[in-house]
Structure formats: C-alpha cells, structure tokens
C-alpha cells in the first residue's frame, strides 16, 4: 500500500543546510560590470552590406504597415459615413 507524502510530494530544502552568503554591494557591482564587458565582446558589428539590407527590410515593413493602417482608416471612414450619414 502506497501512502501520500505529508508535504504533498513536493521536495523542500532541509533547514539545516548552510546558505551561501551574498558578496557585498561593491563586489556585486564589479561582477556586473565585468559581465557587461564580457557580453559586449560577443557583439558582432554588421557589415555595410548587411546594414543596408536590414535598413531596407525595416523601411519596407514600415511602408507596408503604413499602407495597412491607411487602408483601414479609409475603410472605417467610409463605414461611419454610410452608417451615420454626412451632417447637413
């Protein structure tokens, strides 16, 4: 016969285990700055050709979205004019 565990099957840390101490504020700031510089060393700068291609893609997407919003605006103006009419 299997009985349920008293804690509902959850695994809990025992209270007797020693906790790790956090380093002081200045050590944590220094560690953060070292990690920032390490991440910045991983950054790859795009070539001129890649940059132009990415810029073209972004501008193309913006133009498409502007056309979509403009079209929806015209549609909604037409619908409200049909529904409510033009005030005389």
PDB file of N, CA and C in Angstrom:
ATOM      1  N   UNK A   1       0.840  -1.171   0.000  1.00  0.00           N
ATOM      2  CA  UNK A   1       0.000   0.000   0.000  1.00  0.00           C
ATOM      3  C   UNK A   1       0.893   1.244   0.000  1.00  0.00           C
ATOM      4  N   UNK A   2       0.567   2.211  -0.889  1.00  0.00           N
ATOM      5  CA  UNK A   2       1.355   3.423  -1.013  1.00  0.00           C
ATOM      6  C   UNK A   2       0.632   4.561  -0.308  1.00  0.00           C
ATOM      7  N   UNK A   3       1.373   5.283   0.510  1.00  0.00           N
ATOM      8  CA  UNK A   3       0.776   6.419   1.210  1.00  0.00           C
ATOM      9  C   UNK A   3       1.338   7.715   0.636  1.00  0.00           C
ATOM     10  N   UNK A   4       0.487   8.734   0.670  1.00  0.00           N
ATOM     11  CA  UNK A   4       0.941  10.053   0.206  1.00  0.00           C
ATOM     12  C   UNK A   4       1.962  10.613   1.180  1.00  0.00           C
ATOM     13  N   UNK A   5       2.895  11.370   0.602  1.00  0.00           N
ATOM     14  CA  UNK A   5       3.879  12.020   1.461  1.00  0.00           C
ATOM     15  C   UNK A   5       3.205  13.158   2.204  1.00  0.00           C
ATOM     16  N   UNK A   6       3.644  13.466   3.401  1.00  0.00           N
ATOM     17  CA  UNK A   6       2.978  14.512   4.185  1.00  0.00           C
ATOM     18  C   UNK A   6       3.083  15.907   3.572  1.00  0.00           C
ATOM     19  N   UNK A   7       4.098  16.159   2.749  1.00  0.00           N
ATOM     20  CA  UNK A   7       4.251  17.500   2.175  1.00  0.00           C
ATOM     21  C   UNK A   7       3.635  17.597   0.786  1.00  0.00           C
ATOM     22  N   UNK A   8       2.805  16.647   0.397  1.00  0.00           N
ATOM     23  CA  UNK A   8       2.128  16.708  -0.894  1.00  0.00           C
ATOM     24  C   UNK A   8       3.034  16.337  -2.050  1.00  0.00           C
ATOM     25  N   UNK A   9       4.133  15.669  -1.810  1.00  0.00           N
ATOM     26  CA  UNK A   9       5.021  15.233  -2.873  1.00  0.00           C
ATOM     27  C   UNK A   9       6.023  16.291  -3.299  1.00  0.00           C
ATOM     28  N   UNK A  10       6.033  17.423  -2.637  1.00  0.00           N
ATOM     29  CA  UNK A  10       6.977  18.474  -3.001  1.00  0.00           C
ATOM     30  C   UNK A  10       8.321  18.222  -2.336  1.00  0.00           C
ATOM     31  N   UNK A  11       9.366  18.609  -3.041  1.00  0.00           N
ATOM     32  CA  UNK A  11      10.712  18.465  -2.499  1.00  0.00           C
ATOM     33  C   UNK A  11      11.092  19.803  -1.880  1.00  0.00           C
ATOM     34  N   UNK A  12      11.426  19.774  -0.619  1.00  0.00           N
ATOM     35  CA  UNK A  12      11.773  21.002   0.081  1.00  0.00           C
ATOM     36  C   UNK A  12      13.181  20.887   0.638  1.00  0.00           C
ATOM     37  N   UNK A  13      13.902  22.009   0.636  1.00  0.00           N
ATOM     38  CA  UNK A  13      15.256  22.002   1.183  1.00  0.00           C
ATOM     39  C   UNK A  13      15.184  21.867   2.695  1.00  0.00           C
ATOM     40  N   UNK A  14      16.126  21.105   3.227  1.00  0.00           N
ATOM     41  CA  UNK A  14      16.153  20.935   4.674  1.00  0.00           C
ATOM     42  C   UNK A  14      16.644  22.221   5.325  1.00  0.00           C
ATOM     43  N   UNK A  15      16.176  22.486   6.522  1.00  0.00           N
ATOM     44  CA  UNK A  15      16.512  23.722   7.205  1.00  0.00           C
ATOM     45  C   UNK A  15      17.937  23.762   7.718  1.00  0.00           C
ATOM     46  N   UNK A  16      18.625  22.614   7.798  1.00  0.00           N
ATOM     47  CA  UNK A  16      19.959  22.588   8.376  1.00  0.00           C
ATOM     48  C   UNK A  16      21.071  22.916   7.405  1.00  0.00           C
ATOM     49  N   UNK A  17      20.752  23.042   6.094  1.00  0.00           N
ATOM     50  CA  UNK A  17      21.799  23.295   5.103  1.00  0.00           C
ATOM     51  C   UNK A  17      22.279  24.742   5.217  1.00  0.00           C
ATOM     52  N   UNK A  18      23.607  24.975   5.193  1.00  0.00           N
ATOM     53  CA  UNK A  18      24.106  26.351   5.288  1.00  0.00           C
ATOM     54  C   UNK A  18      23.809  27.121   3.998  1.00  0.00           C
ATOM     55  N   UNK A  19      23.425  28.381   4.150  1.00  0.00           N
ATOM     56  CA  UNK A  19      23.125  29.218   2.991  1.00  0.00           C
ATOM     57  C   UNK A  19      24.392  29.936   2.548  1.00  0.00           C
ATOM     58  N   UNK A  20      24.473  30.148   1.221  1.00  0.00           N
ATOM     59  CA  UNK A  20      25.619  30.901   0.702  1.00  0.00           C
ATOM     60  C   UNK A  20      25.419  32.375   1.026  1.00  0.00           C
ATOM     61  N   UNK A  21      26.503  33.040   1.410  1.00  0.00           N
ATOM     62  CA  UNK A  21      26.427  34.471   1.697  1.00  0.00           C
ATOM     63  C   UNK A  21      26.605  35.253   0.408  1.00  0.00           C
ATOM     64  N   UNK A  22      25.827  36.301   0.259  1.00  0.00           N
ATOM     65  CA  UNK A  22      25.973  37.175  -0.901  1.00  0.00           C
ATOM     66  C   UNK A  22      27.219  38.031  -0.720  1.00  0.00           C
ATOM     67  N   UNK A  23      27.923  38.309  -1.826  1.00  0.00           N
ATOM     68  CA  UNK A  23      29.043  39.245  -1.721  1.00  0.00           C
ATOM     69  C   UNK A  23      28.509  40.650  -1.427  1.00  0.00           C
ATOM     70  N   UNK A  24      29.390  41.530  -0.970  1.00  0.00           N
ATOM     71  CA  UNK A  24      28.922  42.876  -0.645  1.00  0.00           C
ATOM     72  C   UNK A  24      28.518  43.630  -1.909  1.00  0.00           C
ATOM     73  N   UNK A  25      27.962  44.799  -1.728  1.00  0.00           N
ATOM     74  CA  UNK A  25      27.402  45.572  -2.836  1.00  0.00           C
ATOM     75  C   UNK A  25      28.461  45.897  -3.879  1.00  0.00           C
ATOM     76  N   UNK A  26      29.640  46.305  -3.448  1.00  0.00           N
ATOM     77  CA  UNK A  26      30.679  46.695  -4.397  1.00  0.00           C
ATOM     78  C   UNK A  26      31.177  45.507  -5.211  1.00  0.00           C
ATOM     79  N   UNK A  27      31.265  44.335  -4.599  1.00  0.00           N
ATOM     80  CA  UNK A  27      31.683  43.132  -5.333  1.00  0.00           C
ATOM     81  C   UNK A  27      30.637  42.760  -6.370  1.00  0.00           C
ATOM     82  N   UNK A  28      29.362  42.916  -6.017  1.00  0.00           N
ATOM     83  CA  UNK A  28      28.302  42.601  -6.983  1.00  0.00           C
ATOM     84  C   UNK A  28      28.305  43.581  -8.141  1.00  0.00           C
ATOM     85  N   UNK A  29      28.568  44.863  -7.868  1.00  0.00           N
ATOM     86  CA  UNK A  29      28.639  45.855  -8.948  1.00  0.00           C
ATOM     87  C   UNK A  29      29.824  45.552  -9.860  1.00  0.00           C
ATOM     88  N   UNK A  30      30.960  45.206  -9.276  1.00  0.00           N
ATOM     89  CA  UNK A  30      32.147  44.874 -10.076  1.00  0.00           C
ATOM     90  C   UNK A  30      31.888  43.640 -10.938  1.00  0.00           C
ATOM     91  N   UNK A  31      31.216  42.639 -10.369  1.00  0.00           N
ATOM     92  CA  UNK A  31      30.880  41.432 -11.133  1.00  0.00           C
ATOM     93  C   UNK A  31      29.948  41.777 -12.284  1.00  0.00           C
ATOM     94  N   UNK A  32      28.968  42.633 -12.017  1.00  0.00           N
ATOM     95  CA  UNK A  32      28.026  43.046 -13.064  1.00  0.00           C
ATOM     96  C   UNK A  32      28.760  43.747 -14.196  1.00  0.00           C
ATOM     97  N   UNK A  33      29.669  44.659 -13.872  1.00  0.00           N
ATOM     98  CA  UNK A  33      30.400  45.399 -14.908  1.00  0.00           C
ATOM     99  C   UNK A  33      31.280  44.458 -15.722  1.00  0.00           C
ATOM    100  N   UNK A  34      31.938  43.503 -15.042  1.00  0.00           N
ATOM    101  CA  UNK A  34      32.750  42.511 -15.779  1.00  0.00           C
ATOM    102  C   UNK A  34      31.873  41.699 -16.734  1.00  0.00           C
ATOM    103  N   UNK A  35      30.679  41.319 -16.296  1.00  0.00           N
ATOM    104  CA  UNK A  35      29.777  40.547 -17.147  1.00  0.00           C
ATOM    105  C   UNK A  35      29.284  41.381 -18.328  1.00  0.00           C
ATOM    106  N   UNK A  36      29.049  42.679 -18.105  1.00  0.00           N
ATOM    107  CA  UNK A  36      28.620  43.554 -19.199  1.00  0.00           C
ATOM    108  C   UNK A  36      29.707  43.632 -20.261  1.00  0.00           C
ATOM    109  N   UNK A  37      30.956  43.839 -19.831  1.00  0.00           N
ATOM    110  CA  UNK A  37      32.049  43.899 -20.805  1.00  0.00           C
ATOM    111  C   UNK A  37      32.238  42.566 -21.530  1.00  0.00           C
ATOM    112  N   UNK A  38      32.057  41.460 -20.822  1.00  0.00           N
ATOM    113  CA  UNK A  38      32.176  40.147 -21.463  1.00  0.00           C
ATOM    114  C   UNK A  38      31.102  39.973 -22.531  1.00  0.00           C
ATOM    115  N   UNK A  39      29.881  40.434 -22.263  1.00  0.00           N
ATOM    116  CA  UNK A  39      28.817  40.338 -23.256  1.00  0.00           C
ATOM    117  C   UNK A  39      29.067  41.274 -24.426  1.00  0.00           C
ATOM    118  N   UNK A  40      29.616  42.459 -24.156  1.00  0.00           N
ATOM    119  CA  UNK A  40      29.884  43.400 -25.241  1.00  0.00           C
ATOM    120  C   UNK A  40      30.976  42.882 -26.177  1.00  0.00           C
ATOM    121  N   UNK A  41      31.899  42.072 -25.653  1.00  0.00           N
ATOM    122  CA  UNK A  41      32.922  41.486 -26.521  1.00  0.00           C
ATOM    123  C   UNK A  41      32.322  40.496 -27.507  1.00  0.00           C
ATOM    124  N   UNK A  42      31.136  39.952 -27.198  1.00  0.00           N
ATOM    125  CA  UNK A  42      30.487  38.976 -28.074  1.00  0.00           C
ATOM    126  C   UNK A  42      29.704  39.638 -29.210  1.00  0.00           C
ATOM    127  N   UNK A  43      29.479  40.954 -29.128  1.00  0.00           N
ATOM    128  CA  UNK A  43      28.673  41.656 -30.126  1.00  0.00           C
ATOM    129  C   UNK A  43      29.414  41.691 -31.454  1.00  0.00           C
ATOM    130  N   UNK A  44      28.687  41.367 -32.530  1.00  0.00           N
ATOM    131  CA  UNK A  44      29.265  41.390 -33.873  1.00  0.00           C
ATOM    132  C   UNK A  44      28.662  42.565 -34.623  1.00  0.00           C
ATOM    133  N   UNK A  45      29.501  43.476 -35.101  1.00  0.00           N
ATOM    134  CA  UNK A  45      29.033  44.632 -35.851  1.00  0.00           C
ATOM    135  C   UNK A  45      28.728  44.201 -37.278  1.00  0.00           C
ATOM    136  N   UNK A  46      27.533  44.553 -37.795  1.00  0.00           N
ATOM    137  CA  UNK A  46      27.203  44.153 -39.170  1.00  0.00           C
ATOM    138  C   UNK A  46      28.061  44.885 -40.192  1.00  0.00           C
ATOM    139  N   UNK A  47      28.264  44.242 -41.324  1.00  0.00           N
ATOM    140  CA  UNK A  47      28.993  44.901 -42.416  1.00  0.00           C
ATOM    141  C   UNK A  47      28.091  45.958 -43.040  1.00  0.00           C
ATOM    142  N   UNK A  48      28.674  46.785 -43.895  1.00  0.00           N
ATOM    143  CA  UNK A  48      27.891  47.839 -44.552  1.00  0.00           C
ATOM    144  C   UNK A  48      26.764  47.233 -45.383  1.00  0.00           C
ATOM    145  N   UNK A  49      27.055  46.140 -46.081  1.00  0.00           N
ATOM    146  CA  UNK A  49      26.049  45.498 -46.926  1.00  0.00           C
ATOM    147  C   UNK A  49      24.904  44.944 -46.070  1.00  0.00           C
ATOM    148  N   UNK A  50      25.236  44.303 -44.954  1.00  0.00           N
ATOM    149  CA  UNK A  50      24.200  43.783 -44.064  1.00  0.00           C
ATOM    150  C   UNK A  50      23.366  44.921 -43.479  1.00  0.00           C
ATOM    151  N   UNK A  51      24.037  46.007 -43.096  1.00  0.00           N
ATOM    152  CA  UNK A  51      23.334  47.143 -42.513  1.00  0.00           C
ATOM    153  C   UNK A  51      22.347  47.747 -43.505  1.00  0.00           C
ATOM    154  N   UNK A  52      22.758  47.879 -44.754  1.00  0.00           N
ATOM    155  CA  UNK A  52      21.856  48.410 -45.777  1.00  0.00           C
ATOM    156  C   UNK A  52      20.682  47.469 -46.016  1.00  0.00           C
ATOM    157  N   UNK A  53      20.961  46.165 -46.010  1.00  0.00           N
ATOM    158  CA  UNK A  53      19.891  45.188 -46.212  1.00  0.00           C
ATOM    159  C   UNK A  53      18.883  45.245 -45.054  1.00  0.00           C
ATOM    160  N   UNK A  54      19.370  45.291 -43.821  1.00  0.00           N
ATOM    161  CA  UNK A  54      18.480  45.356 -42.650  1.00  0.00           C
ATOM    162  C   UNK A  54      17.666  46.649 -42.670  1.00  0.00           C
ATOM    163  N   UNK A  55      18.310  47.763 -43.050  1.00  0.00           N
ATOM    164  CA  UNK A  55      17.605  49.038 -43.117  1.00  0.00           C
ATOM    165  C   UNK A  55      16.498  48.978 -44.163  1.00  0.00           C
ATOM    166  N   UNK A  56      16.790  48.372 -45.311  1.00  0.00           N
ATOM    167  CA  UNK A  56      15.771  48.232 -46.358  1.00  0.00           C
ATOM    168  C   UNK A  56      14.596  47.379 -45.904  1.00  0.00           C
ATOM    169  N   UNK A  57      14.892  46.310 -45.179  1.00  0.00           N
ATOM    170  CA  UNK A  57      13.822  45.449 -44.684  1.00  0.00           C
ATOM    171  C   UNK A  57      12.940  46.207 -43.696  1.00  0.00           C
ATOM    172  N   UNK A  58      13.554  46.948 -42.800  1.00  0.00           N
ATOM    173  CA  UNK A  58      12.779  47.705 -41.809  1.00  0.00           C
ATOM    174  C   UNK A  58      11.939  48.775 -42.495  1.00  0.00           C
ATOM    175  N   UNK A  59      12.532  49.531 -43.420  1.00  0.00           N
ATOM    176  CA  UNK A  59      11.774  50.568 -44.119  1.00  0.00           C
ATOM    177  C   UNK A  59      10.635  49.972 -44.945  1.00  0.00           C
ATOM    178  N   UNK A  60      10.884  48.838 -45.587  1.00  0.00           N
ATOM    179  CA  UNK A  60       9.827  48.155 -46.335  1.00  0.00           C
ATOM    180  C   UNK A  60       8.682  47.729 -45.433  1.00  0.00           C
ATOM    181  N   UNK A  61       9.002  47.188 -44.265  1.00  0.00           N
ATOM    182  CA  UNK A  61       7.977  46.771 -43.323  1.00  0.00           C
ATOM    183  C   UNK A  61       7.171  47.973 -42.838  1.00  0.00           C
ATOM    184  N   UNK A  62       7.858  49.075 -42.562  1.00  0.00           N
ATOM    185  CA  UNK A  62       7.165  50.284 -42.103  1.00  0.00           C
ATOM    186  C   UNK A  62       6.214  50.793 -43.186  1.00  0.00           C
ATOM    187  N   UNK A  63       6.634  50.780 -44.435  1.00  0.00           N
ATOM    188  CA  UNK A  63       5.783  51.240 -45.538  1.00  0.00           C
ATOM    189  C   UNK A  63       4.551  50.340 -45.657  1.00  0.00           C
ATOM    190  N   UNK A  64       4.734  49.033 -45.557  1.00  0.00           N
ATOM    191  CA  UNK A  64       3.604  48.103 -45.634  1.00  0.00           C
ATOM    192  C   UNK A  64       2.631  48.352 -44.485  1.00  0.00           C
ATOM    193  N   UNK A  65       3.142  48.543 -43.282  1.00  0.00           N
ATOM    194  CA  UNK A  65       2.266  48.783 -42.136  1.00  0.00           C
ATOM    195  C   UNK A  65       1.543  50.119 -42.273  1.00  0.00           C
ATOM    196  N   UNK A  66       2.231  51.143 -42.805  1.00  0.00           N
ATOM    197  CA  UNK A  66       1.563  52.438 -43.025  1.00  0.00           C
ATOM    198  C   UNK A  66       0.433  52.286 -44.034  1.00  0.00           C
ATOM    199  N   UNK A  67       0.660  51.532 -45.099  1.00  0.00           N
ATOM    200  CA  UNK A  67      -0.382  51.318 -46.101  1.00  0.00           C
ATOM    201  C   UNK A  67      -1.566  50.565 -45.496  1.00  0.00           C
ATOM    202  N   UNK A  68      -1.285  49.590 -44.646  1.00  0.00           N
ATOM    203  CA  UNK A  68      -2.358  48.834 -43.991  1.00  0.00           C
ATOM    204  C   UNK A  68      -3.191  49.741 -43.089  1.00  0.00           C
ATOM    205  N   UNK A  69      -2.534  50.560 -42.284  1.00  0.00           N
ATOM    206  CA  UNK A  69      -3.256  51.468 -41.386  1.00  0.00           C
ATOM    207  C   UNK A  69      -4.039  52.501 -42.194  1.00  0.00           C
ATOM    208  N   UNK A  70      -3.461  53.025 -43.261  1.00  0.00           N
ATOM    209  CA  UNK A  70      -4.151  53.996 -44.110  1.00  0.00           C
ATOM    210  C   UNK A  70      -5.391  53.370 -44.741  1.00  0.00           C
ATOM    211  N   UNK A  71      -5.250  52.151 -45.232  1.00  0.00           N
ATOM    212  CA  UNK A  71      -6.394  51.448 -45.825  1.00  0.00           C
ATOM    213  C   UNK A  71      -7.503  51.207 -44.808  1.00  0.00           C
ATOM    214  N   UNK A  72      -7.128  50.771 -43.606  1.00  0.00           N
ATOM    215  CA  UNK A  72      -8.143  50.560 -42.567  1.00  0.00           C
ATOM    216  C   UNK A  72      -8.807  51.880 -42.183  1.00  0.00           C
ATOM    217  N   UNK A  73      -8.044  52.964 -42.145  1.00  0.00           N
ATOM    218  CA  UNK A  73      -8.605  54.269 -41.824  1.00  0.00           C
ATOM    219  C   UNK A  73      -9.639  54.669 -42.877  1.00  0.00           C
ATOM    220  N   UNK A  74      -9.305  54.517 -44.152  1.00  0.00           N
ATOM    221  CA  UNK A  74     -10.258  54.837 -45.212  1.00  0.00           C
ATOM    222  C   UNK A  74     -11.515  53.971 -45.107  1.00  0.00           C
ATOM    223  N   UNK A  75     -11.330  52.690 -44.802  1.00  0.00           N
ATOM    224  CA  UNK A  75     -12.462  51.778 -44.663  1.00  0.00           C
ATOM    225  C   UNK A  75     -13.375  52.219 -43.518  1.00  0.00           C
ATOM    226  N   UNK A  76     -12.803  52.561 -42.385  1.00  0.00           N
ATOM    227  CA  UNK A  76     -13.613  52.964 -41.234  1.00  0.00           C
ATOM    228  C   UNK A  76     -14.314  54.305 -41.487  1.00  0.00           C
ATOM    229  N   UNK A  77     -13.646  55.235 -42.180  1.00  0.00           N
ATOM    230  CA  UNK A  77     -14.294  56.500 -42.530  1.00  0.00           C
ATOM    231  C   UNK A  77     -15.485  56.226 -43.439  1.00  0.00           C
ATOM    232  N   UNK A  78     -15.324  55.368 -44.424  1.00  0.00           N
ATOM    233  CA  UNK A  78     -16.413  55.033 -45.341  1.00  0.00           C
ATOM    234  C   UNK A  78     -17.577  54.382 -44.595  1.00  0.00           C
ATOM    235  N   UNK A  79     -17.258  53.434 -43.695  1.00  0.00           N
ATOM    236  CA  UNK A  79     -18.307  52.739 -42.934  1.00  0.00           C
ATOM    237  C   UNK A  79     -19.073  53.724 -42.048  1.00  0.00           C
ATOM    238  N   UNK A  80     -18.361  54.596 -41.350  1.00  0.00           N
ATOM    239  CA  UNK A  80     -19.068  55.560 -40.477  1.00  0.00           C
ATOM    240  C   UNK A  80     -19.879  56.554 -41.294  1.00  0.00           C
ATOM    241  N   UNK A  81     -19.411  56.910 -42.476  1.00  0.00           N
ATOM    242  CA  UNK A  81     -20.187  57.811 -43.342  1.00  0.00           C
ATOM    243  C   UNK A  81     -21.461  57.126 -43.806  1.00  0.00           C
ATOM    244  N   UNK A  82     -21.369  55.842 -44.159  1.00  0.00           N
ATOM    245  CA  UNK A  82     -22.553  55.095 -44.610  1.00  0.00           C
ATOM    246  C   UNK A  82     -23.529  54.912 -43.462  1.00  0.00           C
ATOM    247  N   UNK A  83     -23.034  54.579 -42.277  1.00  0.00           N
ATOM    248  CA  UNK A  83     -23.906  54.301 -41.135  1.00  0.00           C
ATOM    249  C   UNK A  83     -24.556  55.583 -40.602  1.00  0.00           C
ATOM    250  N   UNK A  84     -23.764  56.625 -40.388  1.00  0.00           N
ATOM    251  CA  UNK A  84     -24.279  57.827 -39.744  1.00  0.00           C
ATOM    252  C   UNK A  84     -24.640  58.936 -40.718  1.00  0.00           C
ATOM    253  N   UNK A  85     -24.201  58.853 -41.946  1.00  0.00           N
ATOM    254  CA  UNK A  85     -24.503  59.888 -42.934  1.00  0.00           C
ATOM    255  C   UNK A  85     -23.663  61.128 -42.741  1.00  0.00           C
ATOM    256  N   UNK A  86     -23.724  62.013 -43.706  1.00  0.00           N
ATOM    257  CA  UNK A  86     -22.969  63.266 -43.638  1.00  0.00           C
ATOM    258  C   UNK A  86     -23.901  64.333 -43.081  1.00  0.00           C
ATOM    259  N   UNK A  87     -23.486  65.017 -42.001  1.00  0.00           N
ATOM    260  CA  UNK A  87     -24.369  66.057 -41.436  1.00  0.00           C
ATOM    261  C   UNK A  87     -24.564  67.229 -42.416  1.00  0.00           C
ATOM    262  N   UNK A  88     -25.824  67.703 -42.488  1.00  0.00           N
ATOM    263  CA  UNK A  88     -26.149  68.762 -43.439  1.00  0.00           C
ATOM    264  C   UNK A  88     -25.971  70.132 -42.849  1.00  0.00           C
TER     265      UNK A  88
END
